[in-house]
Amino acid sequence: MESSAQVLEIHLISAQGLKRHTKNYAIVWVDPSTKLRTRIDRTGGENPTWNDKFLFKVSPNFLSGETSAVSVAIYAAGIIRDKLIGTVRILISTFLHTSPSSPMTSPAFAAFLIRSPSGEFFGTLNVGATVLNAFTGFQALNKASAIGYHELAGDNLAGKHRSANKSKATVRDVPESIPSDSPAHQSETSDSLMDQSITDVSLKQKVRKKKKKFWINLRQLHAICLSPQI
């Protein structure tokens, strides 16, 4: 790690009031090219708890800049596509009090309002942050600009987000839906009905054959019973 670099620790603790959304996770980044993800909370519902920490390699100028910020996006995990619930932009200058001569700070904690995609504010995101001593040994940051504590422990649950503008669901190979009035859909429907009708006809024929055989056997038995005994 460069001698001038510092380590910013961001602690995504929890959120409240996510408006009926369940199975939520959060993505955090300093540089949009490197996004890190929390685990999915599957039990907290509207009030998820992640308690995940992330390390970012930053410069002293970043820590002292008035417009330097950490961005957080919260998603609801879906079956086909994940939904963006809201975002938070945390200004370092109003959250941490640092100086070039003494970059290390005591842990700070705060609650931030979440902004929905439509611009409305709702719920809160609980975040902790501190600046660590870059010389205590973070070898993982020698080759990466950011890393999660899960990755340091060999766990990939908080891996790097694949795209700066895509949620997790959009990187899956999801087939495009076919409109119900399209020729392709009508063709598939016709084929399905034809297959079903063929199956029904075949089944009816088998039932008729069994009934016919049953009556033939019954008549033969009746004839035997009525025949004169020798």
Protein backbone atom coordinates (compact mmCIF):
# COMPACT_ATOMS: atom_id res chain seq x y z
CA MET A 1 0.00 0.00 0.00
CA GLU A 2 1.19 3.50 -0.80
CA SER A 3 2.66 5.29 2.20
CA SER A 4 0.25 8.23 1.73
CA ALA A 5 -2.89 6.09 1.46
CA GLN A 6 -5.33 5.79 4.32
CA VAL A 7 -7.92 3.15 5.15
CA LEU A 8 -11.53 4.24 5.53
CA GLU A 9 -13.74 1.71 7.32
CA ILE A 10 -17.47 1.88 6.60
CA HIS A 11 -19.83 -0.10 8.81
CA LEU A 12 -23.30 -0.68 7.33
CA ILE A 13 -25.23 -1.56 10.44
CA SER A 14 -28.96 -1.62 9.67
CA ALA A 15 -31.93 0.21 8.18
CA GLN A 16 -35.48 0.97 9.26
CA GLY A 17 -38.72 1.67 7.45
CA LEU A 18 -38.11 0.13 4.02
CA LYS A 19 -41.84 0.07 3.17
CA ARG A 20 -42.85 -3.58 2.99
CA HIS A 21 -39.66 -4.68 1.27
CA THR A 22 -38.08 -7.91 2.51
CA LYS A 23 -34.79 -9.71 1.80
CA ASN A 24 -32.79 -6.52 1.49
CA TYR A 25 -29.10 -5.83 0.88
CA ALA A 26 -26.95 -2.74 0.45
CA ILE A 27 -24.14 -1.77 -1.91
CA VAL A 28 -21.46 0.71 -0.86
CA TRP A 29 -18.71 2.44 -2.82
CA VAL A 30 -16.27 5.32 -2.88
CA ASP A 31 -15.28 4.80 -6.51
CA PRO A 32 -18.16 3.63 -8.79
CA SER A 33 -15.80 1.14 -10.44
CA THR A 34 -15.53 -0.84 -7.19
CA LYS A 35 -18.78 -1.58 -5.39
CA LEU A 36 -19.11 -3.94 -2.42
CA ARG A 37 -22.24 -5.70 -1.22
CA THR A 38 -23.59 -6.73 2.15
CA ARG A 39 -25.22 -10.02 2.89
CA ILE A 40 -28.95 -10.34 2.19
CA ASP A 41 -31.04 -9.93 5.32
CA ARG A 42 -33.79 -12.56 5.07
CA THR A 43 -35.42 -12.14 8.48
CA GLY A 44 -35.54 -8.43 9.30
CA GLY A 45 -38.17 -7.51 6.72
CA GLU A 46 -38.63 -3.74 6.61
CA ASN A 47 -35.91 -3.33 9.24
CA PRO A 48 -32.88 -5.30 8.00
CA THR A 49 -29.66 -5.74 9.95
CA TRP A 50 -26.41 -6.38 8.04
CA ASN A 51 -23.64 -5.44 10.45
CA ASP A 52 -21.09 -5.66 7.61
CA LYS A 53 -17.83 -3.71 7.43
CA PHE A 54 -15.85 -2.60 4.39
CA LEU A 55 -12.38 -1.13 3.90
CA PHE A 56 -11.59 1.49 1.27
CA LYS A 57 -8.12 2.70 0.33
CA VAL A 58 -8.37 6.49 0.08
CA SER A 59 -6.02 9.46 -0.11
CA PRO A 60 -5.62 12.15 2.58
CA ASN A 61 -7.10 14.63 0.10
CA PHE A 62 -10.23 12.51 -0.14
CA LEU A 63 -10.65 12.49 3.64
CA SER A 64 -10.22 16.26 3.88
CA GLY A 65 -12.27 17.14 0.79
CA GLU A 66 -15.51 19.02 1.36
CA THR A 67 -17.37 17.13 -1.37
CA SER A 68 -15.85 13.67 -0.80
CA ALA A 69 -18.61 11.15 -0.19
CA VAL A 70 -19.45 7.49 0.33
CA SER A 71 -22.46 6.25 -1.62
CA VAL A 72 -24.88 3.53 -0.53
CA ALA A 73 -27.69 1.91 -2.53
CA ILE A 74 -30.27 -0.38 -0.95
CA TYR A 75 -31.93 -3.14 -2.96
CA ALA A 76 -34.75 -5.59 -2.38
CA ALA A 77 -33.75 -9.02 -3.68
CA GLY A 78 -36.30 -10.42 -6.13
CA ILE A 79 -36.84 -13.73 -7.90
CA ILE A 80 -36.26 -12.32 -11.37
CA ARG A 81 -35.00 -8.79 -10.82
CA ASP A 82 -33.76 -6.85 -7.79
CA LYS A 83 -35.46 -3.55 -7.03
CA LEU A 84 -33.66 -0.36 -6.06
CA ILE A 85 -35.29 0.92 -2.88
CA GLY A 86 -33.24 4.02 -2.23
CA THR A 87 -29.83 5.65 -1.94
CA VAL A 88 -27.79 7.56 0.62
CA ARG A 89 -24.85 9.91 0.01
CA ILE A 90 -22.63 10.39 3.05
CA LEU A 91 -20.38 13.46 3.04
CA ILE A 92 -17.14 12.61 4.81
CA SER A 93 -16.60 16.23 5.89
CA THR A 94 -19.82 16.23 7.94
CA PHE A 95 -19.44 12.68 9.23
CA LEU A 96 -15.77 12.36 10.16
CA HIS A 97 -13.54 15.13 11.47
CA THR A 98 -10.08 14.50 10.09
CA SER A 99 -7.00 16.56 9.34
CA PRO A 100 -3.90 15.87 7.19
CA SER A 101 -1.72 15.90 10.30
CA SER A 102 -3.94 13.45 12.20
CA PRO A 103 -6.04 11.35 9.79
CA MET A 104 -6.98 8.69 12.32
CA THR A 105 -10.38 9.20 13.94
CA SER A 106 -12.55 7.68 16.60
CA PRO A 107 -15.53 5.66 15.31
CA ALA A 108 -18.48 7.84 14.37
CA PHE A 109 -22.10 6.68 14.05
CA ALA A 110 -25.09 8.39 12.47
CA ALA A 111 -28.49 7.74 10.91
CA PHE A 112 -29.14 9.05 7.39
CA LEU A 113 -32.42 9.50 5.54
CA ILE A 114 -32.88 7.21 2.53
CA ARG A 115 -33.86 8.81 -0.76
CA SER A 116 -36.18 6.86 -3.05
CA PRO A 117 -35.69 6.74 -6.86
CA SER A 118 -38.56 9.26 -7.14
CA GLY A 119 -36.79 11.73 -4.85
CA GLU A 120 -38.80 11.24 -1.69
CA PHE A 121 -37.14 10.64 1.67
CA PHE A 122 -38.14 7.72 3.87
CA GLY A 123 -36.63 5.42 6.47
CA THR A 124 -33.13 5.60 7.88
CA LEU A 125 -29.77 3.95 7.27
CA ASN A 126 -27.52 3.43 10.30
CA VAL A 127 -23.85 3.76 9.46
CA GLY A 128 -20.55 3.76 11.32
CA ALA A 129 -17.20 4.98 10.00
CA THR A 130 -13.61 5.46 11.10
CA VAL A 131 -10.16 5.98 9.62
CA LEU A 132 -7.68 3.23 10.49
CA ASN A 133 -3.91 3.22 10.66
CA ALA A 134 -2.75 2.27 7.17
CA PHE A 135 0.50 0.88 8.54
CA THR A 136 -1.00 -1.76 10.81
CA GLY A 137 -1.13 -4.14 7.86
CA PHE A 138 -3.87 -4.49 5.27
CA GLN A 139 -2.08 -6.57 2.67
CA ALA A 140 -5.33 -7.25 0.81
CA LEU A 141 -5.50 -3.56 -0.11
CA ASN A 142 -2.14 -3.71 -1.87
CA LYS A 143 -3.89 -5.11 -4.95
CA ALA A 144 -7.42 -3.82 -4.41
CA SER A 145 -8.89 -0.41 -3.72
CA ALA A 146 -11.67 -1.82 -1.54
CA ILE A 147 -12.51 -5.04 0.24
CA GLY A 148 -15.11 -6.40 2.65
CA TYR A 149 -14.41 -8.09 5.95
CA HIS A 150 -16.07 -11.22 4.55
CA GLU A 151 -13.46 -11.36 1.82
CA LEU A 152 -10.69 -10.97 4.37
CA ALA A 153 -12.16 -14.00 6.14
CA GLY A 154 -12.36 -15.96 2.88
CA ASP A 155 -16.11 -15.47 2.48
CA ASN A 156 -17.48 -14.24 -0.87
CA LEU A 157 -20.86 -13.06 0.44
CA ALA A 158 -19.81 -9.42 0.19
CA GLY A 159 -18.08 -9.63 -3.15
CA LYS A 160 -17.42 -6.91 -5.65
CA HIS A 161 -20.50 -5.65 -7.47
CA ARG A 162 -20.23 -6.37 -11.17
CA SER A 163 -21.43 -3.12 -12.68
CA ALA A 164 -21.60 0.54 -11.73
CA ASN A 165 -25.15 0.94 -13.01
CA LYS A 166 -26.72 -2.52 -12.72
CA SER A 167 -28.27 -4.35 -9.84
CA LYS A 168 -27.45 -7.97 -9.14
CA ALA A 169 -30.49 -9.22 -10.98
CA THR A 170 -29.64 -7.51 -14.29
CA VAL A 171 -26.42 -9.51 -14.67
CA ARG A 172 -28.36 -12.76 -14.66
CA ASP A 173 -29.32 -14.35 -17.97
CA VAL A 174 -33.05 -13.68 -17.79
CA PRO A 175 -34.99 -14.62 -20.96
CA GLU A 176 -37.13 -11.86 -22.43
CA SER A 177 -40.86 -12.27 -21.96
CA ILE A 178 -43.03 -12.76 -25.05
CA PRO A 179 -46.18 -10.58 -25.31
CA SER A 180 -49.40 -12.57 -25.10
CA ASP A 181 -50.63 -11.19 -28.43
CA SER A 182 -47.46 -11.93 -30.35
CA PRO A 183 -47.44 -14.60 -33.12
CA ALA A 184 -44.81 -16.57 -31.23
CA HIS A 185 -46.99 -16.70 -28.13
CA GLN A 186 -50.08 -17.66 -30.12
CA SER A 187 -48.13 -20.41 -31.89
CA GLU A 188 -46.87 -21.78 -28.60
CA THR A 189 -50.41 -21.68 -27.19
CA SER A 190 -51.85 -23.50 -30.21
CA ASP A 191 -49.17 -26.17 -30.05
CA SER A 192 -49.83 -26.62 -26.35
CA LEU A 193 -53.59 -26.99 -26.88
CA MET A 194 -53.02 -29.42 -29.77
CA ASP A 195 -50.74 -31.55 -27.65
CA GLN A 196 -53.33 -31.54 -24.88
CA SER A 197 -56.14 -32.52 -27.25
CA ILE A 198 -54.07 -35.37 -28.68
CA THR A 199 -53.38 -36.60 -25.17
CA ASP A 200 -57.10 -36.42 -24.29
CA VAL A 201 -58.13 -38.34 -27.41
CA SER A 202 -55.55 -41.05 -26.75
CA LEU A 203 -56.74 -41.39 -23.17
CA LYS A 204 -60.39 -41.66 -24.24
CA GLN A 205 -59.55 -44.37 -26.75
CA LYS A 206 -57.78 -46.41 -24.08
CA VAL A 207 -60.80 -46.06 -21.75
CA ARG A 208 -63.19 -47.20 -24.52
CA LYS A 209 -61.04 -50.26 -25.27
CA LYS A 210 -60.98 -51.25 -21.60
CA LYS A 211 -64.78 -50.84 -21.31
CA LYS A 212 -65.34 -52.89 -24.47
CA LYS A 213 -63.08 -55.69 -23.20
CA PHE A 214 -64.84 -55.64 -19.84
CA TRP A 215 -68.32 -56.10 -21.40
CA ILE A 216 -67.07 -58.85 -23.71
CA ASN A 217 -65.65 -60.75 -20.73
CA LEU A 218 -68.87 -60.17 -18.78
CA ARG A 219 -71.02 -61.56 -21.62
CA GLN A 220 -68.78 -64.61 -21.94
CA LEU A 221 -69.02 -65.27 -18.21
CA HIS A 222 -72.81 -64.86 -18.33
CA ALA A 223 -73.08 -67.31 -21.23
CA ILE A 224 -71.02 -69.90 -19.34
CA CYS A 225 -73.22 -69.59 -16.27
CA LEU A 226 -76.44 -70.05 -18.29
CA SER A 227 -75.22 -72.96 -20.42
CA PRO A 228 -76.75 -76.41 -19.48
CA GLN A 229 -74.56 -78.53 -17.32
CA ILE A 230 -73.59 -81.93 -18.72
